[in-house]
Amino acid sequence: MTGKGREIVDMMQRRKIKALCVQEKRWKGIKAKILAQGYKLLYSNASPESRSRVGVILHGELQEEVCEVSRVNDRIMYVKMMFGGETVTVLTAYAPQAGCSEDEDETFWRDLDGVMVGIPENERVIVGRDLNGHVGGRKGGEERWH
């Protein structure tokens, strides 16, 4: 394998990372793809004409522990794994960028909230995300983080 996928696997090996959430991917479809040296990319895309935006890369050791993969839409997905009787959810999310419609933005946050509310309180949750947040004033004088 060459390109960015190879660079990501090399970086994960150097840093001893076993799970990595990725956003702004370019592959089409709802699939899983072997990257290299036992690393597997699970990625999501809700519609065939758009490109996948989120994914989770797992080391081979973790692939054995996966009990559920939920591709909510092309901006939100999660992977549930079992470790010693404990469930761990790795969630990846990619918020709409500035310039997207307000409806798209509201839908994203509603969907993300629905996923979080649906995860039992006794489960550990790891969130890897690109929330496209901003700090500071907005047009119209509103000053807060968002």
Protein backbone atom coordinates (compact mmCIF):
# COMPACT_ATOMS: atom_id res chain seq x y z
CA MET A 1 0.00 0.00 0.00
CA THR A 2 1.18 3.53 -0.75
CA GLY A 3 0.01 7.07 -0.11
CA LYS A 4 -1.81 8.52 2.88
CA GLY A 5 -3.07 5.15 4.11
CA ARG A 6 0.51 3.87 4.39
CA GLU A 7 1.57 7.08 6.18
CA ILE A 8 -1.26 6.67 8.70
CA VAL A 9 -0.37 3.03 9.42
CA ASP A 10 3.32 3.98 9.84
CA MET A 11 2.37 6.76 12.26
CA MET A 12 0.06 4.45 14.23
CA GLN A 13 2.85 1.88 14.55
CA ARG A 14 5.43 4.47 15.65
CA ARG A 15 3.09 5.90 18.28
CA LYS A 16 1.68 2.50 19.28
CA ILE A 17 -1.90 3.59 18.48
CA LYS A 18 -4.39 0.72 18.31
CA ALA A 19 -7.51 2.71 17.29
CA LEU A 20 -7.70 5.94 15.30
CA CYS A 21 -10.75 8.00 14.30
CA VAL A 22 -10.49 9.67 10.90
CA GLN A 23 -12.60 12.32 9.19
CA GLU A 24 -12.76 13.83 5.69
CA LYS A 25 -12.03 10.57 3.92
CA ARG A 26 -12.51 10.11 0.19
CA TRP A 27 -13.58 6.47 -0.29
CA LYS A 28 -17.08 5.69 -1.56
CA GLY A 29 -19.46 3.14 -0.06
CA ILE A 30 -20.01 1.46 3.29
CA LYS A 31 -17.10 -0.87 3.68
CA ALA A 32 -14.12 -2.17 5.55
CA LYS A 33 -10.68 -2.11 3.97
CA ILE A 34 -7.42 -3.74 5.02
CA LEU A 35 -4.76 -1.04 4.99
CA ALA A 36 -1.48 -2.74 5.88
CA GLN A 37 0.17 -4.94 8.48
CA GLY A 38 -3.07 -5.98 10.14
CA TYR A 39 -4.68 -2.53 10.30
CA LYS A 40 -8.27 -2.33 9.09
CA LEU A 41 -10.27 0.75 8.17
CA LEU A 42 -14.01 0.66 8.84
CA TYR A 43 -15.70 3.56 7.11
CA SER A 44 -19.12 4.97 6.48
CA ASN A 45 -21.03 6.61 3.70
CA ALA A 46 -24.80 6.77 3.82
CA SER A 47 -25.38 7.60 0.15
CA PRO A 48 -23.63 6.01 -2.85
CA GLU A 49 -23.09 9.30 -4.69
CA SER A 50 -21.26 11.11 -1.88
CA ARG A 51 -17.89 10.26 -0.40
CA SER A 52 -17.28 8.67 2.98
CA ARG A 53 -16.42 11.20 5.64
CA VAL A 54 -15.70 9.21 8.80
CA GLY A 55 -13.95 6.01 9.72
CA VAL A 56 -12.13 4.10 12.42
CA ILE A 57 -8.78 2.36 11.86
CA LEU A 58 -8.19 -0.63 14.12
CA HIS A 59 -5.08 -2.67 14.83
CA GLY A 60 -5.52 -6.41 14.27
CA GLU A 61 -5.66 -7.08 18.04
CA LEU A 62 -8.75 -4.88 18.40
CA GLN A 63 -10.57 -6.33 15.40
CA GLU A 64 -11.14 -9.52 17.38
CA GLU A 65 -12.97 -7.51 20.08
CA VAL A 66 -15.47 -5.73 17.79
CA CYS A 67 -19.07 -6.66 18.61
CA GLU A 68 -20.92 -3.90 16.71
CA VAL A 69 -20.29 -1.36 13.97
CA SER A 70 -22.96 1.30 13.49
CA ARG A 71 -22.77 3.66 10.55
CA VAL A 72 -25.31 6.29 11.57
CA ASN A 73 -24.69 8.43 8.47
CA ASP A 74 -21.68 9.71 6.52
CA ARG A 75 -20.78 12.04 9.41
CA ILE A 76 -21.23 9.77 12.46
CA MET A 77 -20.30 6.17 13.14
CA TYR A 78 -19.21 4.10 16.11
CA VAL A 79 -17.56 0.79 16.89
CA LYS A 80 -18.34 -1.16 20.07
CA MET A 81 -15.71 -3.50 21.48
CA MET A 82 -15.52 -5.80 24.50
CA PHE A 83 -12.54 -5.74 26.84
CA GLY A 84 -12.60 -8.02 29.88
CA GLY A 85 -16.39 -7.84 30.17
CA GLU A 86 -16.46 -4.06 29.70
CA THR A 87 -17.97 -2.43 26.60
CA VAL A 88 -16.04 0.43 25.01
CA THR A 89 -17.58 2.57 22.27
CA VAL A 90 -15.28 4.43 19.87
CA LEU A 91 -17.31 7.16 18.17
CA THR A 92 -16.11 9.30 15.27
CA ALA A 93 -17.95 12.41 14.09
CA TYR A 94 -17.42 15.12 11.48
CA ALA A 95 -19.53 18.26 11.86
CA PRO A 96 -20.67 20.34 8.87
CA GLN A 97 -18.29 23.13 7.91
CA ALA A 98 -19.04 26.84 7.88
CA GLY A 99 -21.20 27.58 4.87
CA CYS A 100 -23.33 24.43 5.18
CA SER A 101 -27.06 24.90 5.66
CA GLU A 102 -28.50 25.43 9.10
CA ASP A 103 -30.69 22.34 8.57
CA GLU A 104 -27.61 20.18 7.92
CA ASP A 105 -25.94 21.57 11.03
CA GLU A 106 -29.02 20.96 13.22
CA THR A 107 -29.46 17.44 11.83
CA PHE A 108 -25.83 16.59 12.67
CA TRP A 109 -26.12 17.77 16.28
CA ARG A 110 -29.49 16.04 16.74
CA ASP A 111 -28.08 12.78 15.34
CA LEU A 112 -24.96 13.01 17.52
CA ASP A 113 -27.08 13.70 20.60
CA GLY A 114 -29.28 10.70 19.75
CA VAL A 115 -26.26 8.42 19.54
CA MET A 116 -24.80 9.68 22.82
CA VAL A 117 -28.13 9.33 24.66
CA GLY A 118 -28.45 5.78 23.32
CA ILE A 119 -25.13 4.63 24.81
CA PRO A 120 -25.68 3.08 28.26
CA GLU A 121 -24.12 5.01 31.14
CA ASN A 122 -22.02 2.02 32.21
CA GLU A 123 -20.16 1.96 28.86
CA ARG A 124 -16.89 3.75 28.33
CA VAL A 125 -17.02 6.16 25.35
CA ILE A 126 -14.08 7.48 23.35
CA VAL A 127 -14.95 10.30 20.95
CA GLY A 128 -12.68 11.26 18.07
CA ARG A 129 -14.14 14.15 16.15
CA ASP A 130 -13.78 17.19 13.96
CA LEU A 131 -16.52 19.46 15.26
CA ASN A 132 -15.50 22.48 13.16
CA GLY A 133 -15.87 24.69 16.20
CA HIS A 134 -14.91 28.32 16.44
CA VAL A 135 -13.94 30.57 19.32
CA GLY A 136 -14.71 34.26 19.43
CA GLY A 137 -17.25 36.67 18.06
CA ARG A 138 -19.69 35.92 15.28
CA LYS A 139 -21.16 38.21 12.70
CA GLY A 140 -23.92 40.14 14.42
CA GLY A 141 -21.92 40.69 17.59
CA GLU A 142 -22.62 37.43 19.39
CA GLU A 143 -19.56 36.52 21.45
CA ARG A 144 -19.19 32.95 22.64
CA TRP A 145 -17.63 29.69 21.59
CA HIS A 146 -19.58 27.51 19.23
